[in-house]
Amino acid sequence: MADRPHDPEPPPIAVADDDPPAREPDRKDRTEDSGFWRELPVLVLVALVVAILIKTFLVQAFYIPSESMEPTLQQGDRVLVCRICTHFSAIHRGDVIVFSDPHPGPDHGRGAVGGFLHWLAEGIGVAQPENPDFIKRVIALPGDTVEINAGVVYVNGNQLHEPYLDPERDTRSFPKRTIPPGMLYVLGDNRAHSGDSRFEPPEGVGLVPIDKVIGKAFVKVWPPGRWGWL
């Protein structure tokens, strides 16, 4: 008699083990992470100091606050100023310079620490300079004679070629004068609306001591449509 067929035993069912627990960061990983966060404030501080040093000693951006240099510079333009240029090259007639106030206000008496903190705050843009800076064009150097006759400038007896002026120039006259040692005679390109070396304070800035020069403006960087060399 034939054997009766029978169902085979069911195959064993594999049971998956639970997933192994996630590996916790070891001490080395934790040390590296915490080290980065400890160093981050130092890195930020170093970057900040480097930026301030560049602004203080190399190149600085300046905002044009008035119309005194039109049409060369419009109100709201921004220029870059080379602060080290005047230390390695002479100032020439026609240079556009930025200089600090030749007649600053009284000292605020902050002391060494207070002065440093104000310098730092000014460097990061959270404090205003104690005295304004000015931007003008150098017209005459020490030893030069300068005279303005009906708006036309003469330096050492020769008419100054000024293609940067608006054709509708200021037509006032100013007597001849000799520029003393260590001083500069500066004018705005918009002569009708510029308080410059033609006038003594408070109407103008008078003659500018060379040691008050911050640097030479060399390029317009803003707005982009007005980008150009000076």
C-alpha atoms as a PDB file:
ATOM      1  CA  MET A   1       0.000   0.000   0.000  1.00  0.00           C
ATOM      2  CA  ALA A   2       1.355   3.298  -1.095  1.00  0.00           C
ATOM      3  CA  ASP A   3       2.542   5.642   1.478  1.00  0.00           C
ATOM      4  CA  ARG A   4       0.207   8.517   2.039  1.00  0.00           C
ATOM      5  CA  PRO A   5       1.663  11.833   1.082  1.00  0.00           C
ATOM      6  CA  HIS A   6       2.308  14.180   3.979  1.00  0.00           C
ATOM      7  CA  ASP A   7       3.064  17.834   4.271  1.00  0.00           C
ATOM      8  CA  PRO A   8       6.673  18.634   4.801  1.00  0.00           C
ATOM      9  CA  GLU A   9       7.585  20.443   7.928  1.00  0.00           C
ATOM     10  CA  PRO A  10       7.488  24.198   7.417  1.00  0.00           C
ATOM     11  CA  PRO A  11      10.873  25.791   7.042  1.00  0.00           C
ATOM     12  CA  PRO A  12      12.134  27.607  10.012  1.00  0.00           C
ATOM     13  CA  ILE A  13      11.326  31.308  10.044  1.00  0.00           C
ATOM     14  CA  ALA A  14      14.277  33.569  10.424  1.00  0.00           C
ATOM     15  CA  VAL A  15      13.730  36.193  13.056  1.00  0.00           C
ATOM     16  CA  ALA A  16      15.691  39.373  12.541  1.00  0.00           C
ATOM     17  CA  ASP A  17      17.622  40.571  15.481  1.00  0.00           C
ATOM     18  CA  ASP A  18      16.835  44.066  16.717  1.00  0.00           C
ATOM     19  CA  ASP A  19      18.899  46.816  15.080  1.00  0.00           C
ATOM     20  CA  PRO A  20      22.058  47.397  17.028  1.00  0.00           C
ATOM     21  CA  PRO A  21      21.965  50.557  19.103  1.00  0.00           C
ATOM     22  CA  ALA A  22      23.361  53.637  17.419  1.00  0.00           C
ATOM     23  CA  ARG A  23      26.954  54.300  18.289  1.00  0.00           C
ATOM     24  CA  GLU A  24      27.282  57.188  20.624  1.00  0.00           C
ATOM     25  CA  PRO A  25      29.919  59.724  19.710  1.00  0.00           C
ATOM     26  CA  ASP A  26      33.111  58.761  21.332  1.00  0.00           C
ATOM     27  CA  ARG A  27      35.185  61.115  23.409  1.00  0.00           C
ATOM     28  CA  LYS A  28      37.292  62.178  20.417  1.00  0.00           C
ATOM     29  CA  ASP A  29      34.224  63.312  18.404  1.00  0.00           C
ATOM     30  CA  ARG A  30      32.846  65.244  21.361  1.00  0.00           C
ATOM     31  CA  THR A  31      36.207  66.901  21.903  1.00  0.00           C
ATOM     32  CA  GLU A  32      36.459  67.999  18.266  1.00  0.00           C
ATOM     33  CA  ASP A  33      32.929  69.447  18.271  1.00  0.00           C
ATOM     34  CA  SER A  34      33.378  71.337  21.509  1.00  0.00           C
ATOM     35  CA  GLY A  35      36.783  72.578  20.341  1.00  0.00           C
ATOM     36  CA  PHE A  36      35.250  74.130  17.227  1.00  0.00           C
ATOM     37  CA  TRP A  37      32.619  76.011  19.228  1.00  0.00           C
ATOM     38  CA  ARG A  38      35.234  77.213  21.680  1.00  0.00           C
ATOM     39  CA  GLU A  39      37.403  78.498  18.829  1.00  0.00           C
ATOM     40  CA  LEU A  40      34.576  80.137  16.875  1.00  0.00           C
ATOM     41  CA  PRO A  41      34.451  83.379  18.931  1.00  0.00           C
ATOM     42  CA  VAL A  42      38.225  83.681  18.584  1.00  0.00           C
ATOM     43  CA  LEU A  43      38.011  83.230  14.803  1.00  0.00           C
ATOM     44  CA  VAL A  44      35.259  85.839  14.573  1.00  0.00           C
ATOM     45  CA  LEU A  45      37.286  88.256  16.684  1.00  0.00           C
ATOM     46  CA  VAL A  46      40.409  87.729  14.559  1.00  0.00           C
ATOM     47  CA  ALA A  47      38.421  88.302  11.346  1.00  0.00           C
ATOM     48  CA  LEU A  48      36.936  91.459  12.847  1.00  0.00           C
ATOM     49  CA  VAL A  49      40.329  92.820  13.880  1.00  0.00           C
ATOM     50  CA  VAL A  50      41.806  92.050  10.440  1.00  0.00           C
ATOM     51  CA  ALA A  51      38.906  93.874   8.758  1.00  0.00           C
ATOM     52  CA  ILE A  52      39.379  96.893  11.024  1.00  0.00           C
ATOM     53  CA  LEU A  53      43.132  96.945  10.373  1.00  0.00           C
ATOM     54  CA  ILE A  54      42.543  96.834   6.612  1.00  0.00           C
ATOM     55  CA  LYS A  55      40.074  99.695   6.935  1.00  0.00           C
ATOM     56  CA  THR A  56      42.422 101.671   9.155  1.00  0.00           C
ATOM     57  CA  PHE A  57      45.700 101.208   7.298  1.00  0.00           C
ATOM     58  CA  LEU A  58      45.045  99.980   3.732  1.00  0.00           C
ATOM     59  CA  VAL A  59      41.752 100.663   1.953  1.00  0.00           C
ATOM     60  CA  GLN A  60      38.550 102.202   3.256  1.00  0.00           C
ATOM     61  CA  ALA A  61      35.176 102.913   1.669  1.00  0.00           C
ATOM     62  CA  PHE A  62      33.749 106.405   2.044  1.00  0.00           C
ATOM     63  CA  TYR A  63      30.214 107.665   1.474  1.00  0.00           C
ATOM     64  CA  ILE A  64      29.777 110.960  -0.389  1.00  0.00           C
ATOM     65  CA  PRO A  65      27.390 113.007   1.778  1.00  0.00           C
ATOM     66  CA  SER A  66      27.019 116.176  -0.281  1.00  0.00           C
ATOM     67  CA  GLU A  67      27.018 117.679  -3.757  1.00  0.00           C
ATOM     68  CA  SER A  68      30.336 119.516  -3.380  1.00  0.00           C
ATOM     69  CA  MET A  69      32.203 117.203  -5.794  1.00  0.00           C
ATOM     70  CA  GLU A  70      29.579 117.036  -8.544  1.00  0.00           C
ATOM     71  CA  PRO A  71      29.634 116.092 -11.368  1.00  0.00           C
ATOM     72  CA  THR A  72      32.641 113.862 -10.589  1.00  0.00           C
ATOM     73  CA  LEU A  73      31.024 112.403  -7.471  1.00  0.00           C
ATOM     74  CA  GLN A  74      27.303 112.443  -6.837  1.00  0.00           C
ATOM     75  CA  GLN A  75      25.703 112.553  -3.420  1.00  0.00           C
ATOM     76  CA  GLY A  76      25.287 108.943  -2.272  1.00  0.00           C
ATOM     77  CA  ASP A  77      28.250 107.594  -4.250  1.00  0.00           C
ATOM     78  CA  ARG A  78      30.786 105.412  -2.484  1.00  0.00           C
ATOM     79  CA  VAL A  79      34.499 105.519  -3.206  1.00  0.00           C
ATOM     80  CA  LEU A  80      37.481 103.479  -2.121  1.00  0.00           C
ATOM     81  CA  VAL A  81      40.354 105.381  -0.563  1.00  0.00           C
ATOM     82  CA  CYS A  82      43.933 104.118  -0.490  1.00  0.00           C
ATOM     83  CA  ARG A  83      45.216 105.005   2.961  1.00  0.00           C
ATOM     84  CA  ILE A  84      48.822 103.948   2.396  1.00  0.00           C
ATOM     85  CA  CYS A  85      49.281 105.694  -0.960  1.00  0.00           C
ATOM     86  CA  THR A  86      50.243 109.021   0.576  1.00  0.00           C
ATOM     87  CA  HIS A  87      52.955 107.269   2.608  1.00  0.00           C
ATOM     88  CA  PHE A  88      54.686 105.831  -0.465  1.00  0.00           C
ATOM     89  CA  SER A  89      53.935 108.382  -3.181  1.00  0.00           C
ATOM     90  CA  ALA A  90      53.643 112.147  -3.313  1.00  0.00           C
ATOM     91  CA  ILE A  91      50.376 114.024  -3.489  1.00  0.00           C
ATOM     92  CA  HIS A  92      49.841 115.591  -6.911  1.00  0.00           C
ATOM     93  CA  ARG A  93      47.685 118.372  -8.254  1.00  0.00           C
ATOM     94  CA  GLY A  94      44.397 116.891  -9.382  1.00  0.00           C
ATOM     95  CA  ASP A  95      44.350 114.087  -6.808  1.00  0.00           C
ATOM     96  CA  VAL A  96      41.009 113.554  -5.093  1.00  0.00           C
ATOM     97  CA  ILE A  97      41.802 113.200  -1.403  1.00  0.00           C
ATOM     98  CA  VAL A  98      39.927 112.479   1.799  1.00  0.00           C
ATOM     99  CA  PHE A  99      41.135 114.378   4.847  1.00  0.00           C
ATOM    100  CA  SER A 100      40.085 114.792   8.439  1.00  0.00           C
ATOM    101  CA  ASP A 101      38.751 118.076   9.738  1.00  0.00           C
ATOM    102  CA  PRO A 102      41.609 120.618   9.812  1.00  0.00           C
ATOM    103  CA  HIS A 103      39.798 122.391  12.642  1.00  0.00           C
ATOM    104  CA  PRO A 104      38.431 119.592  14.849  1.00  0.00           C
ATOM    105  CA  GLY A 105      36.176 120.136  17.803  1.00  0.00           C
ATOM    106  CA  PRO A 106      37.285 119.797  21.422  1.00  0.00           C
ATOM    107  CA  ASP A 107      38.810 116.574  22.672  1.00  0.00           C
ATOM    108  CA  HIS A 108      36.237 114.437  24.462  1.00  0.00           C
ATOM    109  CA  GLY A 109      38.816 113.291  26.991  1.00  0.00           C
ATOM    110  CA  ARG A 110      38.158 109.569  26.652  1.00  0.00           C
ATOM    111  CA  GLY A 111      41.668 108.556  27.629  1.00  0.00           C
ATOM    112  CA  ALA A 112      43.675 105.725  26.093  1.00  0.00           C
ATOM    113  CA  VAL A 113      41.175 102.945  26.824  1.00  0.00           C
ATOM    114  CA  GLY A 114      38.133 105.016  25.893  1.00  0.00           C
ATOM    115  CA  GLY A 115      39.820 106.175  22.715  1.00  0.00           C
ATOM    116  CA  PHE A 116      40.634 102.596  21.728  1.00  0.00           C
ATOM    117  CA  LEU A 117      37.066 101.447  22.384  1.00  0.00           C
ATOM    118  CA  HIS A 118      35.688 104.324  20.323  1.00  0.00           C
ATOM    119  CA  TRP A 119      38.131 103.470  17.507  1.00  0.00           C
ATOM    120  CA  LEU A 120      36.971  99.850  17.652  1.00  0.00           C
ATOM    121  CA  ALA A 121      33.292 100.851  17.610  1.00  0.00           C
ATOM    122  CA  GLU A 122      33.932 103.233  14.739  1.00  0.00           C
ATOM    123  CA  GLY A 123      35.738 100.485  12.853  1.00  0.00           C
ATOM    124  CA  ILE A 124      32.737  98.155  12.981  1.00  0.00           C
ATOM    125  CA  GLY A 125      30.325 100.941  12.116  1.00  0.00           C
ATOM    126  CA  VAL A 126      28.456 101.344  15.400  1.00  0.00           C
ATOM    127  CA  ALA A 127      29.941 104.747  16.270  1.00  0.00           C
ATOM    128  CA  GLN A 128      30.310 107.922  14.249  1.00  0.00           C
ATOM    129  CA  PRO A 129      33.658 109.736  13.898  1.00  0.00           C
ATOM    130  CA  GLU A 130      34.041 112.535  16.393  1.00  0.00           C
ATOM    131  CA  ASN A 131      34.808 114.964  13.555  1.00  0.00           C
ATOM    132  CA  PRO A 132      33.726 114.811   9.904  1.00  0.00           C
ATOM    133  CA  ASP A 133      35.963 113.817   7.021  1.00  0.00           C
ATOM    134  CA  PHE A 134      36.047 115.780   3.762  1.00  0.00           C
ATOM    135  CA  ILE A 135      36.690 114.920   0.128  1.00  0.00           C
ATOM    136  CA  LYS A 136      38.113 117.549  -2.251  1.00  0.00           C
ATOM    137  CA  ARG A 137      40.485 117.896  -5.188  1.00  0.00           C
ATOM    138  CA  VAL A 138      44.074 119.065  -4.707  1.00  0.00           C
ATOM    139  CA  ILE A 139      44.646 122.260  -6.680  1.00  0.00           C
ATOM    140  CA  ALA A 140      47.901 123.689  -5.328  1.00  0.00           C
ATOM    141  CA  LEU A 141      50.873 122.273  -3.422  1.00  0.00           C
ATOM    142  CA  PRO A 142      53.262 123.874  -0.922  1.00  0.00           C
ATOM    143  CA  GLY A 143      55.113 126.761  -2.560  1.00  0.00           C
ATOM    144  CA  ASP A 144      52.566 127.180  -5.371  1.00  0.00           C
ATOM    145  CA  THR A 145      50.739 130.414  -6.027  1.00  0.00           C
ATOM    146  CA  VAL A 146      47.034 130.133  -6.785  1.00  0.00           C
ATOM    147  CA  GLU A 147      44.580 132.715  -8.062  1.00  0.00           C
ATOM    148  CA  ILE A 148      40.976 132.477  -9.237  1.00  0.00           C
ATOM    149  CA  ASN A 149      39.802 135.019 -11.799  1.00  0.00           C
ATOM    150  CA  ALA A 150      36.114 134.880 -12.772  1.00  0.00           C
ATOM    151  CA  GLY A 151      36.038 131.197 -11.890  1.00  0.00           C
ATOM    152  CA  VAL A 152      39.198 130.305 -13.836  1.00  0.00           C
ATOM    153  CA  VAL A 153      42.005 128.892 -11.670  1.00  0.00           C
ATOM    154  CA  TYR A 154      45.629 129.887 -12.241  1.00  0.00           C
ATOM    155  CA  VAL A 155      48.454 127.975 -10.551  1.00  0.00           C
ATOM    156  CA  ASN A 156      51.921 129.534 -10.745  1.00  0.00           C
ATOM    157  CA  GLY A 157      50.564 131.890 -13.393  1.00  0.00           C
ATOM    158  CA  ASN A 158      49.268 129.121 -15.670  1.00  0.00           C
ATOM    159  CA  GLN A 159      45.602 128.441 -16.303  1.00  0.00           C
ATOM    160  CA  LEU A 160      44.595 125.102 -14.803  1.00  0.00           C
ATOM    161  CA  HIS A 161      42.938 122.700 -17.241  1.00  0.00           C
ATOM    162  CA  GLU A 162      39.852 121.354 -15.470  1.00  0.00           C
ATOM    163  CA  PRO A 163      37.772 119.148 -17.809  1.00  0.00           C
ATOM    164  CA  TYR A 164      35.936 117.670 -14.809  1.00  0.00           C
ATOM    165  CA  LEU A 165      34.048 120.915 -14.081  1.00  0.00           C
ATOM    166  CA  ASP A 166      30.479 121.597 -15.099  1.00  0.00           C
ATOM    167  CA  PRO A 167      30.386 124.156 -17.951  1.00  0.00           C
ATOM    168  CA  GLU A 168      28.200 126.384 -15.773  1.00  0.00           C
ATOM    169  CA  ARG A 169      31.010 126.978 -13.332  1.00  0.00           C
ATOM    170  CA  ASP A 170      31.194 129.415 -10.449  1.00  0.00           C
ATOM    171  CA  THR A 171      32.495 132.784 -11.680  1.00  0.00           C
ATOM    172  CA  ARG A 172      33.702 134.379  -8.448  1.00  0.00           C
ATOM    173  CA  SER A 173      37.250 135.693  -8.137  1.00  0.00           C
ATOM    174  CA  PHE A 174      39.735 135.191  -5.294  1.00  0.00           C
ATOM    175  CA  PRO A 175      43.092 136.952  -4.846  1.00  0.00           C
ATOM    176  CA  LYS A 176      46.470 135.367  -5.429  1.00  0.00           C
ATOM    177  CA  ARG A 177      48.047 133.581  -2.486  1.00  0.00           C
ATOM    178  CA  THR A 178      51.111 131.436  -1.877  1.00  0.00           C
ATOM    179  CA  ILE A 179      50.639 128.047  -0.240  1.00  0.00           C
ATOM    180  CA  PRO A 180      52.885 127.681   2.830  1.00  0.00           C
ATOM    181  CA  PRO A 181      54.980 124.581   3.590  1.00  0.00           C
ATOM    182  CA  GLY A 182      53.068 121.534   4.742  1.00  0.00           C
ATOM    183  CA  MET A 183      49.731 122.788   3.420  1.00  0.00           C
ATOM    184  CA  LEU A 184      47.428 121.999   0.483  1.00  0.00           C
ATOM    185  CA  TYR A 185      44.916 124.153  -1.373  1.00  0.00           C
ATOM    186  CA  VAL A 186      41.818 122.099  -2.201  1.00  0.00           C
ATOM    187  CA  LEU A 187      38.592 122.807  -4.071  1.00  0.00           C
ATOM    188  CA  GLY A 188      35.354 120.974  -4.685  1.00  0.00           C
ATOM    189  CA  ASP A 189      34.446 120.320  -8.313  1.00  0.00           C
ATOM    190  CA  ASN A 190      31.061 121.944  -7.672  1.00  0.00           C
ATOM    191  CA  ARG A 191      32.554 125.335  -6.847  1.00  0.00           C
ATOM    192  CA  ALA A 192      29.214 127.043  -6.267  1.00  0.00           C
ATOM    193  CA  HIS A 193      28.355 124.585  -3.481  1.00  0.00           C
ATOM    194  CA  SER A 194      31.675 123.712  -1.853  1.00  0.00           C
ATOM    195  CA  GLY A 195      33.184 124.936   1.394  1.00  0.00           C
ATOM    196  CA  ASP A 196      36.864 124.545   0.517  1.00  0.00           C
ATOM    197  CA  SER A 197      40.199 126.367   0.695  1.00  0.00           C
ATOM    198  CA  ARG A 198      38.717 129.564  -0.722  1.00  0.00           C
ATOM    199  CA  PHE A 199      37.040 130.142   2.632  1.00  0.00           C
ATOM    200  CA  GLU A 200      38.143 129.980   6.225  1.00  0.00           C
ATOM    201  CA  PRO A 201      35.986 128.152   8.804  1.00  0.00           C
ATOM    202  CA  PRO A 202      33.111 127.992   9.295  1.00  0.00           C
ATOM    203  CA  GLU A 203      32.312 128.747   5.624  1.00  0.00           C
ATOM    204  CA  GLY A 204      35.087 126.452   4.374  1.00  0.00           C
ATOM    205  CA  VAL A 205      38.020 124.317   5.477  1.00  0.00           C
ATOM    206  CA  GLY A 206      40.828 126.762   4.709  1.00  0.00           C
ATOM    207  CA  LEU A 207      44.214 125.302   3.835  1.00  0.00           C
ATOM    208  CA  VAL A 208      44.614 121.608   4.633  1.00  0.00           C
ATOM    209  CA  PRO A 209      47.680 120.334   6.535  1.00  0.00           C
ATOM    210  CA  ILE A 210      49.247 117.421   4.684  1.00  0.00           C
ATOM    211  CA  ASP A 211      49.273 115.371   7.882  1.00  0.00           C
ATOM    212  CA  LYS A 212      45.457 115.549   7.910  1.00  0.00           C
ATOM    213  CA  VAL A 213      45.219 113.627   4.625  1.00  0.00           C
ATOM    214  CA  ILE A 214      43.666 110.184   5.140  1.00  0.00           C
ATOM    215  CA  GLY A 215      44.271 108.905   1.625  1.00  0.00           C
ATOM    216  CA  LYS A 216      43.616 109.180  -2.093  1.00  0.00           C
ATOM    217  CA  ALA A 217      40.242 108.250  -3.564  1.00  0.00           C
ATOM    218  CA  PHE A 218      40.914 106.073  -6.602  1.00  0.00           C
ATOM    219  CA  VAL A 219      37.684 104.379  -7.679  1.00  0.00           C
ATOM    220  CA  LYS A 220      33.911 104.797  -7.498  1.00  0.00           C
ATOM    221  CA  VAL A 221      32.345 101.500  -6.444  1.00  0.00           C
ATOM    222  CA  TRP A 222      28.684 102.375  -5.843  1.00  0.00           C
ATOM    223  CA  PRO A 223      26.202 102.536  -7.403  1.00  0.00           C
ATOM    224  CA  PRO A 224      27.351  99.931  -9.973  1.00  0.00           C
ATOM    225  CA  GLY A 225      26.194 102.061 -12.885  1.00  0.00           C
ATOM    226  CA  ARG A 226      28.649 104.800 -11.868  1.00  0.00           C
ATOM    227  CA  TRP A 227      31.660 102.548 -11.324  1.00  0.00           C
ATOM    228  CA  GLY A 228      34.845 104.141 -12.587  1.00  0.00           C
ATOM    229  CA  TRP A 229      38.393 105.215 -11.813  1.00  0.00           C
ATOM    230  CA  LEU A 230      39.106 108.668 -10.447  1.00  0.00           C
END
